[in-house]
Structures are given as C-alpha cells and as structure tokens.
Amino acid sequence: MQYVLITGASSGIGKSLKDIFLQNNYHVIALDIKEIDPQDNLDSFICDITNKESLQNVKNTLDKQNIKLDYIINVAGIHMMASLVESPLDQMQRLININLNGTMSVNRIFHSLLKEKGRIIIITSEVASFDPMPFNGLYNVSKTALDTYAQALRQELNLLNQKVITFRPGAVKTPLCDSSLTGTQNLVDSTILYKKQ
C-alpha cells in the first residue's frame, strides 16, 4: 500500500488531491482543522498544523501502525487582505504561522516517516512571489518565504535521494479564493489608511 499525507484536505486543492489519490488506490492520511467525511482507505485527523503537539500525536499514531509515507503534500494555508501598517499584529503573525511555520513543522515532524525515495510537495503561488500587490503584501511575503524554504529543502533532501517538488498554481476557485473578496471588503470597512481625516 502506498501512503500520502495531505494537509488542508477538507476543501479546495487539498480535497481534490485527496480524492484523486483515493481514486488511484493510495491510502490517504488527511489533516485539517475541519472534520472530513469517512471514506475507504482514508484516515483523517482534526489537526492544526501550527500546533506541534497535535502534529506529533498524529505522527505517533502513524508510527504505531508502522506507516511509511510515499508523499507529504503541503496544501494548508490561509489568505488575508491586510494593511502592512494598520492590521493587528496577531492577525499578521497568524498568517505567517499557518502559511510558513505550519508547513515547516509538518515536514520536520513527518520527515522520519518518509520513504527513501519519497516526495515532499509544497503548494505555493504562481504570482505571489513575483508580483506583490498592495494590501496583499502579507500573503505575498508568506508565499515568497515558503518558496525560498522549498528550494532550500529541495537541495538538502536531494542528498538523501528524496525530492521536493514545488507547485505554483494560478487562481483556482476555492473557498480560499472566495474569501479574498470578503477580505477586501472587510479591509475597506476597517482601515483608516487613505481615508480623509
């Protein structure tokens, strides 16, 4: 049996990947903060990727079952429209913690379960790293850092005959994409930047 671990597997790209791997007879370990409907060959865990104890508990469960992973696929992430000088610092830190630190934690904790010729796949963004835009800058920063992390990790794990593959999809109609419209309106309603005093 081949095993794949997917973060952010309850919706969007993560859910589509989960379904494709199940259709191709993989056993899927799905992580998300939301519950996922049961399916054959699917083990799902409600798990916050920024919570190292939660990730370690999942890893311990897989260890007890002697599961070795063929793929670790990092999809989980959030989007937030934010003013870099006005948005609350804790909100800004949350985005970095999920988009960058969470991915790093997943790969660090589960790497020991990755097979010798296993693959780590990291979903970044086609344009965020190359075309930063106003009020989308924090998201751009997180994805640029994630892309740099992926390239460095690729060179390190290549020494172990393990591959790191970066995907930079363009705009995809997902709940994350839809939330950007709401986020833009919320930003307009809440910010004082450029408003007349």
C-alpha atoms as a PDB file:
ATOM      1  CA  MET A   1       0.000   0.000   0.000  1.00  0.00           C
ATOM      2  CA  GLN A   2       1.208   3.487  -0.861  1.00  0.00           C
ATOM      3  CA  TYR A   3       0.575   6.264   1.637  1.00  0.00           C
ATOM      4  CA  VAL A   4       0.167  10.002   1.166  1.00  0.00           C
ATOM      5  CA  LEU A   5      -0.252  12.659   3.847  1.00  0.00           C
ATOM      6  CA  ILE A   6      -2.155  15.769   2.754  1.00  0.00           C
ATOM      7  CA  THR A   7      -2.698  18.939   4.786  1.00  0.00           C
ATOM      8  CA  GLY A   8      -5.692  21.187   4.139  1.00  0.00           C
ATOM      9  CA  ALA A   9      -7.586  18.164   2.829  1.00  0.00           C
ATOM     10  CA  SER A  10     -11.167  19.202   3.632  1.00  0.00           C
ATOM     11  CA  SER A  11     -11.676  21.643   0.742  1.00  0.00           C
ATOM     12  CA  GLY A  12     -10.212  23.228  -2.365  1.00  0.00           C
ATOM     13  CA  ILE A  13      -6.972  21.882  -3.817  1.00  0.00           C
ATOM     14  CA  GLY A  14      -6.357  19.656  -0.803  1.00  0.00           C
ATOM     15  CA  LYS A  15      -9.732  17.928  -1.168  1.00  0.00           C
ATOM     16  CA  SER A  16      -9.228  17.453  -4.911  1.00  0.00           C
ATOM     17  CA  LEU A  17      -5.826  15.856  -4.290  1.00  0.00           C
ATOM     18  CA  LYS A  18      -7.310  13.634  -1.583  1.00  0.00           C
ATOM     19  CA  ASP A  19      -9.986  12.410  -3.984  1.00  0.00           C
ATOM     20  CA  ILE A  20      -7.507  11.807  -6.820  1.00  0.00           C
ATOM     21  CA  PHE A  21      -5.141   9.785  -4.636  1.00  0.00           C
ATOM     22  CA  LEU A  22      -8.034   7.705  -3.257  1.00  0.00           C
ATOM     23  CA  GLN A  23      -9.202   7.013  -6.809  1.00  0.00           C
ATOM     24  CA  ASN A  24      -5.698   5.770  -7.582  1.00  0.00           C
ATOM     25  CA  ASN A  25      -5.690   3.309  -4.673  1.00  0.00           C
ATOM     26  CA  TYR A  26      -3.483   5.254  -2.278  1.00  0.00           C
ATOM     27  CA  HIS A  27      -4.149   5.276   1.437  1.00  0.00           C
ATOM     28  CA  VAL A  28      -4.626   8.932   2.396  1.00  0.00           C
ATOM     29  CA  ILE A  29      -3.800  10.494   5.749  1.00  0.00           C
ATOM     30  CA  ALA A  30      -5.747  13.744   5.699  1.00  0.00           C
ATOM     31  CA  LEU A  31      -5.071  16.621   8.106  1.00  0.00           C
ATOM     32  CA  ASP A  32      -7.360  19.606   8.509  1.00  0.00           C
ATOM     33  CA  ILE A  33      -8.914  21.790  11.185  1.00  0.00           C
ATOM     34  CA  LYS A  34     -12.326  20.656   9.861  1.00  0.00           C
ATOM     35  CA  GLU A  35     -13.833  17.191  10.004  1.00  0.00           C
ATOM     36  CA  ILE A  36     -13.646  15.124   6.810  1.00  0.00           C
ATOM     37  CA  ASP A  37     -16.315  12.574   5.848  1.00  0.00           C
ATOM     38  CA  PRO A  38     -15.182   8.939   6.251  1.00  0.00           C
ATOM     39  CA  GLN A  39     -14.096   7.002   3.164  1.00  0.00           C
ATOM     40  CA  ASP A  40     -12.345   3.723   2.451  1.00  0.00           C
ATOM     41  CA  ASN A  41      -8.549   3.995   2.635  1.00  0.00           C
ATOM     42  CA  LEU A  42      -8.804   7.350   4.402  1.00  0.00           C
ATOM     43  CA  ASP A  43      -7.574   8.225   7.890  1.00  0.00           C
ATOM     44  CA  SER A  44      -8.482  11.792   8.742  1.00  0.00           C
ATOM     45  CA  PHE A  45      -7.296  13.805  11.717  1.00  0.00           C
ATOM     46  CA  ILE A  46      -8.592  17.114  13.005  1.00  0.00           C
ATOM     47  CA  CYS A  47      -5.261  18.859  13.340  1.00  0.00           C
ATOM     48  CA  ASP A  48      -3.926  22.412  13.454  1.00  0.00           C
ATOM     49  CA  ILE A  49      -0.600  22.460  11.614  1.00  0.00           C
ATOM     50  CA  THR A  50       0.615  25.301  13.853  1.00  0.00           C
ATOM     51  CA  ASN A  51       0.171  23.068  16.911  1.00  0.00           C
ATOM     52  CA  LYS A  52       3.280  20.891  17.184  1.00  0.00           C
ATOM     53  CA  GLU A  53       1.742  18.675  19.875  1.00  0.00           C
ATOM     54  CA  SER A  54      -1.230  17.945  17.604  1.00  0.00           C
ATOM     55  CA  LEU A  55       1.097  17.061  14.723  1.00  0.00           C
ATOM     56  CA  GLN A  56       3.235  14.880  16.981  1.00  0.00           C
ATOM     57  CA  ASN A  57       0.152  12.965  18.144  1.00  0.00           C
ATOM     58  CA  VAL A  58      -0.717  12.138  14.526  1.00  0.00           C
ATOM     59  CA  LYS A  59       2.879  11.110  13.864  1.00  0.00           C
ATOM     60  CA  ASN A  60       2.866   8.823  16.919  1.00  0.00           C
ATOM     61  CA  THR A  61      -0.328   7.168  15.653  1.00  0.00           C
ATOM     62  CA  LEU A  62       1.262   6.501  12.257  1.00  0.00           C
ATOM     63  CA  ASP A  63       4.417   5.228  13.959  1.00  0.00           C
ATOM     64  CA  LYS A  64       2.406   2.665  15.914  1.00  0.00           C
ATOM     65  CA  GLN A  65       0.922   1.402  12.645  1.00  0.00           C
ATOM     66  CA  ASN A  66       4.379   1.227  11.012  1.00  0.00           C
ATOM     67  CA  ILE A  67       3.206   3.530   8.228  1.00  0.00           C
ATOM     68  CA  LYS A  68       5.810   4.932   5.858  1.00  0.00           C
ATOM     69  CA  LEU A  69       4.869   7.796   3.566  1.00  0.00           C
ATOM     70  CA  ASP A  70       5.379   7.999  -0.186  1.00  0.00           C
ATOM     71  CA  TYR A  71       4.281  11.647  -0.278  1.00  0.00           C
ATOM     72  CA  ILE A  72       3.883  14.559   2.100  1.00  0.00           C
ATOM     73  CA  ILE A  73       1.722  17.177   0.375  1.00  0.00           C
ATOM     74  CA  ASN A  74       1.505  20.634   1.944  1.00  0.00           C
ATOM     75  CA  VAL A  75      -1.655  22.466   0.886  1.00  0.00           C
ATOM     76  CA  ALA A  76      -2.980  24.053   4.095  1.00  0.00           C
ATOM     77  CA  GLY A  77      -2.864  27.837   4.067  1.00  0.00           C
ATOM     78  CA  ILE A  78      -4.917  30.972   4.511  1.00  0.00           C
ATOM     79  CA  HIS A  79      -5.332  34.267   2.704  1.00  0.00           C
ATOM     80  CA  MET A  80      -5.833  37.641   4.305  1.00  0.00           C
ATOM     81  CA  MET A  81      -6.130  41.117   2.872  1.00  0.00           C
ATOM     82  CA  ALA A  82      -4.130  43.299   5.233  1.00  0.00           C
ATOM     83  CA  SER A  83      -2.642  46.731   5.602  1.00  0.00           C
ATOM     84  CA  LEU A  84       1.010  46.249   6.482  1.00  0.00           C
ATOM     85  CA  VAL A  85       0.895  49.264   8.796  1.00  0.00           C
ATOM     86  CA  GLU A  86      -2.595  49.018  10.274  1.00  0.00           C
ATOM     87  CA  SER A  87      -3.635  45.379  10.590  1.00  0.00           C
ATOM     88  CA  PRO A  88      -3.359  43.851  14.076  1.00  0.00           C
ATOM     89  CA  LEU A  89      -0.004  42.193  14.630  1.00  0.00           C
ATOM     90  CA  ASP A  90      -1.547  38.986  15.967  1.00  0.00           C
ATOM     91  CA  GLN A  91      -3.540  38.546  12.737  1.00  0.00           C
ATOM     92  CA  MET A  92      -0.404  39.081  10.678  1.00  0.00           C
ATOM     93  CA  GLN A  93       1.516  36.559  12.781  1.00  0.00           C
ATOM     94  CA  ARG A  94      -1.282  34.009  12.373  1.00  0.00           C
ATOM     95  CA  LEU A  95      -0.962  34.093   8.579  1.00  0.00           C
ATOM     96  CA  ILE A  96       2.815  33.586   8.745  1.00  0.00           C
ATOM     97  CA  ASN A  97       2.389  30.807  11.307  1.00  0.00           C
ATOM     98  CA  ILE A  98      -0.002  28.878   9.082  1.00  0.00           C
ATOM     99  CA  ASN A  99       1.445  29.502   5.615  1.00  0.00           C
ATOM    100  CA  LEU A 100       5.126  29.167   6.516  1.00  0.00           C
ATOM    101  CA  ASN A 101       5.776  27.859  10.023  1.00  0.00           C
ATOM    102  CA  GLY A 102       2.997  25.271   9.808  1.00  0.00           C
ATOM    103  CA  THR A 103       4.382  23.815   6.601  1.00  0.00           C
ATOM    104  CA  MET A 104       7.878  23.709   8.063  1.00  0.00           C
ATOM    105  CA  SER A 105       6.555  21.931  11.162  1.00  0.00           C
ATOM    106  CA  VAL A 106       4.690  19.314   9.102  1.00  0.00           C
ATOM    107  CA  ASN A 107       7.783  18.462   7.073  1.00  0.00           C
ATOM    108  CA  ARG A 108      10.043  18.457  10.120  1.00  0.00           C
ATOM    109  CA  ILE A 109       7.804  16.185  12.198  1.00  0.00           C
ATOM    110  CA  PHE A 110       6.782  13.705   9.478  1.00  0.00           C
ATOM    111  CA  HIS A 111      10.072  13.535   7.591  1.00  0.00           C
ATOM    112  CA  SER A 112      11.241  10.498   9.556  1.00  0.00           C
ATOM    113  CA  LEU A 113       8.241   8.591   8.124  1.00  0.00           C
ATOM    114  CA  LEU A 114       9.091   9.490   4.516  1.00  0.00           C
ATOM    115  CA  LYS A 115      10.360   6.592   2.413  1.00  0.00           C
ATOM    116  CA  GLU A 116      13.874   6.673   0.998  1.00  0.00           C
ATOM    117  CA  LYS A 117      12.619   7.840  -2.396  1.00  0.00           C
ATOM    118  CA  GLY A 118       9.654   9.724  -1.001  1.00  0.00           C
ATOM    119  CA  ARG A 119       8.452  13.107  -2.206  1.00  0.00           C
ATOM    120  CA  ILE A 120       7.511  16.305  -0.410  1.00  0.00           C
ATOM    121  CA  ILE A 121       5.179  18.536  -2.417  1.00  0.00           C
ATOM    122  CA  ILE A 122       4.672  22.169  -1.461  1.00  0.00           C
ATOM    123  CA  ILE A 123       1.888  24.283  -2.932  1.00  0.00           C
ATOM    124  CA  THR A 124       2.916  27.945  -3.110  1.00  0.00           C
ATOM    125  CA  SER A 125       1.537  30.541  -5.525  1.00  0.00           C
ATOM    126  CA  GLU A 126       2.184  31.321  -9.163  1.00  0.00           C
ATOM    127  CA  VAL A 127       2.293  35.087  -8.752  1.00  0.00           C
ATOM    128  CA  ALA A 128       2.588  35.906  -5.038  1.00  0.00           C
ATOM    129  CA  SER A 129       6.365  35.629  -5.070  1.00  0.00           C
ATOM    130  CA  PHE A 130       6.830  37.718  -8.201  1.00  0.00           C
ATOM    131  CA  ASP A 131       4.100  40.329  -8.203  1.00  0.00           C
ATOM    132  CA  PRO A 132       3.422  41.727  -4.718  1.00  0.00           C
ATOM    133  CA  MET A 133       0.330  43.902  -4.584  1.00  0.00           C
ATOM    134  CA  PRO A 134      -0.882  46.482  -2.073  1.00  0.00           C
ATOM    135  CA  PHE A 135      -2.959  45.040   0.773  1.00  0.00           C
ATOM    136  CA  ASN A 136      -1.999  41.557  -0.408  1.00  0.00           C
ATOM    137  CA  GLY A 137       1.579  42.051   0.697  1.00  0.00           C
ATOM    138  CA  LEU A 138       1.478  39.877   3.806  1.00  0.00           C
ATOM    139  CA  TYR A 139       0.218  36.923   1.784  1.00  0.00           C
ATOM    140  CA  ASN A 140       2.922  37.660  -0.801  1.00  0.00           C
ATOM    141  CA  VAL A 141       5.577  37.685   1.920  1.00  0.00           C
ATOM    142  CA  SER A 142       4.416  34.336   3.329  1.00  0.00           C
ATOM    143  CA  LYS A 143       4.388  32.663  -0.082  1.00  0.00           C
ATOM    144  CA  THR A 144       7.763  34.122  -1.079  1.00  0.00           C
ATOM    145  CA  ALA A 145       9.275  32.786   2.144  1.00  0.00           C
ATOM    146  CA  LEU A 146       7.583  29.423   1.561  1.00  0.00           C
ATOM    147  CA  ASP A 147       9.007  29.252  -1.955  1.00  0.00           C
ATOM    148  CA  THR A 148      12.521  30.015  -0.686  1.00  0.00           C
ATOM    149  CA  TYR A 149      12.129  27.399   2.048  1.00  0.00           C
ATOM    150  CA  ALA A 150      11.035  24.825  -0.549  1.00  0.00           C
ATOM    151  CA  GLN A 151      14.054  25.481  -2.759  1.00  0.00           C
ATOM    152  CA  ALA A 152      16.474  25.140   0.169  1.00  0.00           C
ATOM    153  CA  LEU A 153      14.723  21.981   1.391  1.00  0.00           C
ATOM    154  CA  ARG A 154      14.906  20.532  -2.124  1.00  0.00           C
ATOM    155  CA  GLN A 155      18.699  20.867  -2.136  1.00  0.00           C
ATOM    156  CA  GLU A 156      19.066  19.342   1.326  1.00  0.00           C
ATOM    157  CA  LEU A 157      16.816  16.329   0.751  1.00  0.00           C
ATOM    158  CA  ASN A 158      18.291  15.686  -2.678  1.00  0.00           C
ATOM    159  CA  LEU A 159      21.315  14.436  -0.739  1.00  0.00           C
ATOM    160  CA  LEU A 160      19.033  11.734   0.732  1.00  0.00           C
ATOM    161  CA  ASN A 161      17.523  10.838  -2.655  1.00  0.00           C
ATOM    162  CA  GLN A 162      14.220  12.431  -1.624  1.00  0.00           C
ATOM    163  CA  LYS A 163      12.621  15.009  -3.881  1.00  0.00           C
ATOM    164  CA  VAL A 164      10.914  18.287  -3.027  1.00  0.00           C
ATOM    165  CA  ILE A 165       8.510  19.497  -5.702  1.00  0.00           C
ATOM    166  CA  THR A 166       7.037  22.984  -5.725  1.00  0.00           C
ATOM    167  CA  PHE A 167       3.722  23.696  -7.449  1.00  0.00           C
ATOM    168  CA  ARG A 168       2.716  27.280  -8.183  1.00  0.00           C
ATOM    169  CA  PRO A 169      -0.921  27.123  -9.285  1.00  0.00           C
ATOM    170  CA  GLY A 170      -2.633  30.209 -10.591  1.00  0.00           C
ATOM    171  CA  ALA A 171      -6.003  31.420  -9.366  1.00  0.00           C
ATOM    172  CA  VAL A 172      -8.242  28.462  -8.572  1.00  0.00           C
ATOM    173  CA  LYS A 173     -11.865  28.788  -7.496  1.00  0.00           C
ATOM    174  CA  THR A 174     -11.665  27.515  -3.928  1.00  0.00           C
ATOM    175  CA  PRO A 175     -13.036  28.683  -0.573  1.00  0.00           C
ATOM    176  CA  LEU A 176      -9.678  30.426   0.000  1.00  0.00           C
ATOM    177  CA  CYS A 177     -10.029  32.354  -3.252  1.00  0.00           C
ATOM    178  CA  ASP A 178     -13.641  33.248  -2.488  1.00  0.00           C
ATOM    179  CA  SER A 179     -12.656  34.578   0.928  1.00  0.00           C
ATOM    180  CA  SER A 180     -10.397  37.189  -0.676  1.00  0.00           C
ATOM    181  CA  LEU A 181     -13.465  39.125  -1.865  1.00  0.00           C
ATOM    182  CA  THR A 182     -14.905  39.240   1.629  1.00  0.00           C
ATOM    183  CA  GLY A 183     -11.468  40.079   2.984  1.00  0.00           C
ATOM    184  CA  THR A 184     -11.134  43.020   0.619  1.00  0.00           C
ATOM    185  CA  GLN A 185     -14.469  44.476   1.709  1.00  0.00           C
ATOM    186  CA  ASN A 186     -13.619  43.974   5.383  1.00  0.00           C
ATOM    187  CA  LEU A 187     -10.320  45.755   4.856  1.00  0.00           C
ATOM    188  CA  VAL A 188     -12.044  48.690   3.180  1.00  0.00           C
ATOM    189  CA  ASP A 189     -14.530  48.908   6.049  1.00  0.00           C
ATOM    190  CA  SER A 190     -11.944  48.698   8.806  1.00  0.00           C
ATOM    191  CA  THR A 191      -8.869  50.590   7.617  1.00  0.00           C
ATOM    192  CA  ILE A 192      -8.328  54.303   8.031  1.00  0.00           C
ATOM    193  CA  LEU A 193      -5.480  54.343   5.520  1.00  0.00           C
ATOM    194  CA  TYR A 194      -6.045  56.950   2.840  1.00  0.00           C
ATOM    195  CA  LYS A 195      -9.407  57.949   4.310  1.00  0.00           C
ATOM    196  CA  LYS A 196      -9.953  61.628   4.845  1.00  0.00           C
ATOM    197  CA  GLN A 197      -9.384  62.645   8.444  1.00  0.00           C
END
